[in-house]
Amino acid sequence: MAPSFKFPTPASCKLKDNAVLCTSDRILALYNQATGKEQKRITQPVKTWFAAEAQNNGWAGGHFLPEVQSGHGAGCVLFVPPREINVSVNVTEKTLVLMADED
């Protein structure tokens, strides 16, 4: 039985990560698993499918990158949506100061 690949989610990222790379191998494995096809390169239909799935899984967006030597698809950088942070509020006579709490 072939391995089952799970689509990455922003929740699986570390808090300090603003973006992560999903490699072409993983993108193709996810695409082939979902569609039953045997795609070997990152083509426009793969990009369209992956971008839609990324949005459905909560990513803020993505950007496909070419591999420097071959020019073929190297993968997609996925951007983590803004996260809620805790802040401390300190009001002085004339200035409002907001400080992010360190976790």
N, C-alpha and C. Protein backbone atom coordinates (compact mmCIF):
# COMPACT_ATOMS: atom_id res chain seq x y z
N MET A 1 0.84 -1.18 0.00
CA MET A 1 0.00 0.00 0.00
C MET A 1 0.89 1.24 0.00
N ALA A 2 0.53 2.22 -0.84
CA ALA A 2 1.30 3.46 -0.95
C ALA A 2 1.10 4.31 0.31
N PRO A 3 2.13 5.09 0.67
CA PRO A 3 1.98 5.94 1.85
C PRO A 3 0.90 7.00 1.62
N SER A 4 0.24 7.40 2.68
CA SER A 4 -0.78 8.43 2.61
C SER A 4 -0.16 9.76 3.04
N PHE A 5 -0.17 10.72 2.15
CA PHE A 5 0.41 12.03 2.43
C PHE A 5 -0.69 12.97 2.90
N LYS A 6 -0.39 13.75 3.92
CA LYS A 6 -1.33 14.74 4.43
C LYS A 6 -0.90 16.12 3.96
N PHE A 7 -1.88 16.92 3.58
CA PHE A 7 -1.59 18.28 3.14
C PHE A 7 -1.11 19.08 4.35
N PRO A 8 -0.04 19.86 4.21
CA PRO A 8 0.46 20.65 5.36
C PRO A 8 -0.55 21.72 5.75
N THR A 9 -0.54 22.07 7.03
CA THR A 9 -1.42 23.12 7.54
C THR A 9 -0.60 24.15 8.29
N PRO A 10 -1.08 25.39 8.36
CA PRO A 10 -0.37 26.41 9.12
C PRO A 10 -0.22 26.05 10.60
N ALA A 11 -1.18 25.28 11.12
CA ALA A 11 -1.12 24.90 12.53
C ALA A 11 0.08 24.02 12.84
N SER A 12 0.62 23.34 11.82
CA SER A 12 1.77 22.47 12.05
C SER A 12 3.09 23.23 12.05
N CYS A 13 3.05 24.54 11.79
CA CYS A 13 4.27 25.37 11.77
C CYS A 13 4.59 25.88 13.16
N LYS A 14 5.87 26.14 13.37
CA LYS A 14 6.30 26.76 14.62
C LYS A 14 5.85 28.21 14.61
N LEU A 15 5.64 28.76 15.79
CA LEU A 15 5.16 30.13 15.93
C LEU A 15 6.08 31.13 15.24
N LYS A 16 7.38 30.88 15.25
CA LYS A 16 8.33 31.83 14.66
C LYS A 16 8.40 31.75 13.13
N ASP A 17 7.80 30.71 12.53
CA ASP A 17 7.85 30.54 11.08
C ASP A 17 6.80 31.41 10.40
N ASN A 18 7.25 32.24 9.48
CA ASN A 18 6.32 33.06 8.69
C ASN A 18 5.99 32.40 7.37
N ALA A 19 6.87 31.49 6.94
CA ALA A 19 6.68 30.78 5.68
C ALA A 19 7.43 29.46 5.75
N VAL A 20 6.97 28.49 4.95
CA VAL A 20 7.63 27.19 4.87
C VAL A 20 7.68 26.76 3.41
N LEU A 21 8.58 25.84 3.09
CA LEU A 21 8.72 25.33 1.72
C LEU A 21 8.10 23.94 1.63
N CYS A 22 7.22 23.77 0.67
CA CYS A 22 6.70 22.45 0.35
C CYS A 22 7.42 22.06 -0.95
N THR A 23 8.23 21.01 -0.89
CA THR A 23 9.07 20.63 -2.02
C THR A 23 8.24 20.07 -3.17
N SER A 24 8.83 20.06 -4.35
CA SER A 24 8.14 19.53 -5.52
C SER A 24 7.79 18.06 -5.33
N ASP A 25 8.66 17.29 -4.68
CA ASP A 25 8.36 15.88 -4.44
C ASP A 25 7.09 15.72 -3.63
N ARG A 26 6.95 16.52 -2.60
CA ARG A 26 5.75 16.43 -1.75
C ARG A 26 4.51 16.92 -2.49
N ILE A 27 4.65 18.02 -3.23
CA ILE A 27 3.52 18.53 -4.01
C ILE A 27 3.03 17.47 -4.99
N LEU A 28 3.96 16.85 -5.71
CA LEU A 28 3.58 15.83 -6.69
C LEU A 28 2.97 14.61 -6.02
N ALA A 29 3.50 14.21 -4.87
CA ALA A 29 2.92 13.06 -4.14
C ALA A 29 1.49 13.38 -3.71
N LEU A 30 1.27 14.59 -3.20
CA LEU A 30 -0.08 15.00 -2.80
C LEU A 30 -1.02 15.04 -3.99
N TYR A 31 -0.56 15.63 -5.09
CA TYR A 31 -1.37 15.75 -6.30
C TYR A 31 -1.72 14.37 -6.86
N ASN A 32 -0.72 13.54 -7.00
CA ASN A 32 -0.95 12.20 -7.56
C ASN A 32 -1.89 11.39 -6.67
N GLN A 33 -1.73 11.51 -5.36
CA GLN A 33 -2.59 10.80 -4.42
C GLN A 33 -4.04 11.29 -4.54
N ALA A 34 -4.22 12.59 -4.66
CA ALA A 34 -5.57 13.17 -4.71
C ALA A 34 -6.27 12.94 -6.04
N THR A 35 -5.51 12.90 -7.12
CA THR A 35 -6.12 12.83 -8.44
C THR A 35 -6.03 11.44 -9.08
N GLY A 36 -5.16 10.59 -8.55
CA GLY A 36 -4.96 9.28 -9.16
C GLY A 36 -4.08 9.32 -10.40
N LYS A 37 -3.47 10.47 -10.67
CA LYS A 37 -2.59 10.62 -11.83
C LYS A 37 -1.15 10.33 -11.44
N GLU A 38 -0.27 10.29 -12.41
CA GLU A 38 1.16 10.08 -12.17
C GLU A 38 1.96 11.24 -12.76
N GLN A 39 1.70 12.43 -12.25
CA GLN A 39 2.40 13.62 -12.71
C GLN A 39 3.84 13.58 -12.22
N LYS A 40 4.78 13.98 -13.09
CA LYS A 40 6.20 13.94 -12.72
C LYS A 40 6.83 15.33 -12.61
N ARG A 41 6.13 16.35 -13.08
CA ARG A 41 6.65 17.72 -13.01
C ARG A 41 5.55 18.66 -12.52
N ILE A 42 5.98 19.81 -12.01
CA ILE A 42 5.05 20.83 -11.54
C ILE A 42 4.55 21.59 -12.78
N THR A 43 3.37 21.22 -13.25
CA THR A 43 2.74 21.86 -14.41
C THR A 43 1.65 22.82 -13.94
N GLN A 44 1.05 23.54 -14.87
CA GLN A 44 0.00 24.50 -14.49
C GLN A 44 -1.18 23.83 -13.79
N PRO A 45 -1.66 22.66 -14.26
CA PRO A 45 -2.75 22.02 -13.51
C PRO A 45 -2.36 21.66 -12.07
N VAL A 46 -1.11 21.26 -11.87
CA VAL A 46 -0.63 20.94 -10.52
C VAL A 46 -0.61 22.21 -9.67
N LYS A 47 -0.10 23.30 -10.23
CA LYS A 47 -0.05 24.58 -9.51
C LYS A 47 -1.45 25.04 -9.13
N THR A 48 -2.38 24.96 -10.08
CA THR A 48 -3.76 25.38 -9.82
C THR A 48 -4.37 24.56 -8.70
N TRP A 49 -4.19 23.23 -8.77
CA TRP A 49 -4.74 22.35 -7.73
C TRP A 49 -4.10 22.65 -6.38
N PHE A 50 -2.77 22.77 -6.34
CA PHE A 50 -2.07 22.98 -5.08
C PHE A 50 -2.45 24.31 -4.45
N ALA A 51 -2.56 25.38 -5.26
CA ALA A 51 -2.94 26.70 -4.74
C ALA A 51 -4.33 26.65 -4.13
N ALA A 52 -5.27 25.97 -4.77
CA ALA A 52 -6.62 25.86 -4.23
C ALA A 52 -6.62 25.06 -2.93
N GLU A 53 -5.87 23.97 -2.89
CA GLU A 53 -5.78 23.15 -1.67
C GLU A 53 -5.13 23.93 -0.53
N ALA A 54 -4.11 24.72 -0.86
CA ALA A 54 -3.43 25.52 0.16
C ALA A 54 -4.42 26.51 0.79
N GLN A 55 -5.21 27.15 -0.05
CA GLN A 55 -6.21 28.09 0.47
C GLN A 55 -7.25 27.35 1.31
N ASN A 56 -7.69 26.19 0.86
CA ASN A 56 -8.67 25.40 1.61
C ASN A 56 -8.13 24.92 2.96
N ASN A 57 -6.81 24.80 3.07
CA ASN A 57 -6.17 24.33 4.30
C ASN A 57 -5.69 25.47 5.19
N GLY A 58 -6.06 26.72 4.87
CA GLY A 58 -5.79 27.83 5.76
C GLY A 58 -4.53 28.64 5.52
N TRP A 59 -3.81 28.38 4.43
CA TRP A 59 -2.60 29.15 4.15
C TRP A 59 -2.97 30.54 3.63
N ALA A 60 -2.16 31.54 3.95
CA ALA A 60 -2.41 32.91 3.51
C ALA A 60 -2.11 33.07 2.03
N GLY A 61 -1.26 32.23 1.49
CA GLY A 61 -0.88 32.29 0.08
C GLY A 61 0.34 31.45 -0.16
N GLY A 62 0.78 31.45 -1.40
CA GLY A 62 1.96 30.66 -1.74
C GLY A 62 2.65 31.24 -2.96
N HIS A 63 3.88 30.81 -3.18
CA HIS A 63 4.65 31.26 -4.34
C HIS A 63 5.50 30.09 -4.83
N PHE A 64 5.30 29.70 -6.09
CA PHE A 64 6.07 28.60 -6.68
C PHE A 64 7.45 29.11 -7.10
N LEU A 65 8.46 28.29 -6.83
CA LEU A 65 9.84 28.65 -7.12
C LEU A 65 10.46 27.68 -8.12
N PRO A 66 11.25 28.21 -9.08
CA PRO A 66 11.98 27.31 -9.97
C PRO A 66 13.29 26.88 -9.33
N GLU A 67 13.75 25.71 -9.70
CA GLU A 67 15.06 25.23 -9.24
C GLU A 67 16.11 26.00 -10.04
N VAL A 68 17.17 26.43 -9.38
CA VAL A 68 18.14 27.35 -9.98
C VAL A 68 18.82 26.79 -11.23
N GLN A 69 19.15 25.53 -11.27
CA GLN A 69 19.89 25.00 -12.41
C GLN A 69 18.98 24.55 -13.55
N SER A 70 17.96 23.78 -13.25
CA SER A 70 17.11 23.22 -14.30
C SER A 70 15.97 24.15 -14.71
N GLY A 71 15.54 25.01 -13.80
CA GLY A 71 14.40 25.86 -14.07
C GLY A 71 13.06 25.17 -13.84
N HIS A 72 13.10 23.88 -13.52
CA HIS A 72 11.87 23.15 -13.22
C HIS A 72 11.38 23.54 -11.83
N GLY A 73 10.12 23.24 -11.55
CA GLY A 73 9.53 23.59 -10.26
C GLY A 73 10.26 22.95 -9.10
N ALA A 74 10.73 23.77 -8.16
CA ALA A 74 11.43 23.28 -6.97
C ALA A 74 10.47 23.07 -5.81
N GLY A 75 9.34 23.77 -5.85
CA GLY A 75 8.37 23.67 -4.77
C GLY A 75 7.60 24.96 -4.63
N CYS A 76 6.92 25.09 -3.52
CA CYS A 76 6.10 26.25 -3.26
C CYS A 76 6.33 26.74 -1.84
N VAL A 77 6.58 28.02 -1.70
CA VAL A 77 6.68 28.64 -0.39
C VAL A 77 5.26 28.95 0.05
N LEU A 78 4.88 28.44 1.21
CA LEU A 78 3.55 28.69 1.77
C LEU A 78 3.68 29.71 2.89
N PHE A 79 2.82 30.72 2.86
CA PHE A 79 2.87 31.79 3.84
C PHE A 79 1.84 31.56 4.94
N VAL A 80 2.31 31.62 6.18
CA VAL A 80 1.46 31.43 7.34
C VAL A 80 0.60 32.68 7.53
N PRO A 81 -0.71 32.51 7.76
CA PRO A 81 -1.53 33.69 7.99
C PRO A 81 -1.16 34.37 9.31
N PRO A 82 -1.48 35.65 9.45
CA PRO A 82 -1.18 36.33 10.71
C PRO A 82 -1.82 35.61 11.88
N ARG A 83 -1.09 35.55 12.97
CA ARG A 83 -1.59 34.87 14.16
C ARG A 83 -1.94 35.88 15.22
N GLU A 84 -2.85 35.46 16.06
CA GLU A 84 -3.25 36.31 17.18
C GLU A 84 -2.12 36.33 18.20
N ILE A 85 -1.83 37.53 18.73
CA ILE A 85 -0.81 37.62 19.77
C ILE A 85 -1.41 38.30 20.99
N ASN A 86 -0.87 38.02 22.13
CA ASN A 86 -1.29 38.66 23.38
C ASN A 86 -0.49 39.94 23.54
N VAL A 87 -1.17 40.98 23.97
CA VAL A 87 -0.48 42.26 24.17
C VAL A 87 -0.77 42.81 25.56
N SER A 88 0.16 43.58 26.04
CA SER A 88 -0.02 44.32 27.29
C SER A 88 -0.32 45.77 26.91
N VAL A 89 -1.25 46.38 27.60
CA VAL A 89 -1.61 47.76 27.30
C VAL A 89 -1.20 48.62 28.50
N ASN A 90 -0.46 49.68 28.21
CA ASN A 90 0.00 50.61 29.23
C ASN A 90 -0.34 52.01 28.75
N VAL A 91 -1.27 52.67 29.41
CA VAL A 91 -1.68 54.01 29.00
C VAL A 91 -1.03 55.02 29.94
N THR A 92 -0.29 55.97 29.35
CA THR A 92 0.28 57.07 30.12
C THR A 92 -0.56 58.32 29.81
N GLU A 93 -0.11 59.47 30.26
CA GLU A 93 -0.89 60.69 30.03
C GLU A 93 -1.13 60.99 28.56
N LYS A 94 -0.13 60.75 27.71
CA LYS A 94 -0.26 61.14 26.31
C LYS A 94 0.03 60.01 25.33
N THR A 95 0.51 58.88 25.80
CA THR A 95 0.96 57.84 24.88
C THR A 95 0.34 56.50 25.22
N LEU A 96 -0.13 55.80 24.21
CA LEU A 96 -0.62 54.43 24.36
C LEU A 96 0.49 53.51 23.88
N VAL A 97 0.95 52.62 24.74
CA VAL A 97 2.04 51.71 24.39
C VAL A 97 1.51 50.29 24.38
N LEU A 98 1.65 49.60 23.25
CA LEU A 98 1.25 48.19 23.13
C LEU A 98 2.51 47.35 23.03
N MET A 99 2.63 46.37 23.88
CA MET A 99 3.79 45.48 23.90
C MET A 99 3.33 44.06 23.73
N ALA A 100 3.93 43.32 22.78
CA ALA A 100 3.61 41.92 22.60
C ALA A 100 4.16 41.12 23.76
N ASP A 101 3.33 40.24 24.32
CA ASP A 101 3.79 39.37 25.39
C ASP A 101 4.66 38.28 24.78
N GLU A 102 5.76 37.96 25.43
CA GLU A 102 6.63 36.89 24.95
C GLU A 102 6.10 35.56 25.47
N ASP A 103 6.01 34.60 24.52
CA ASP A 103 5.55 33.26 24.90
C ASP A 103 6.72 32.35 25.18
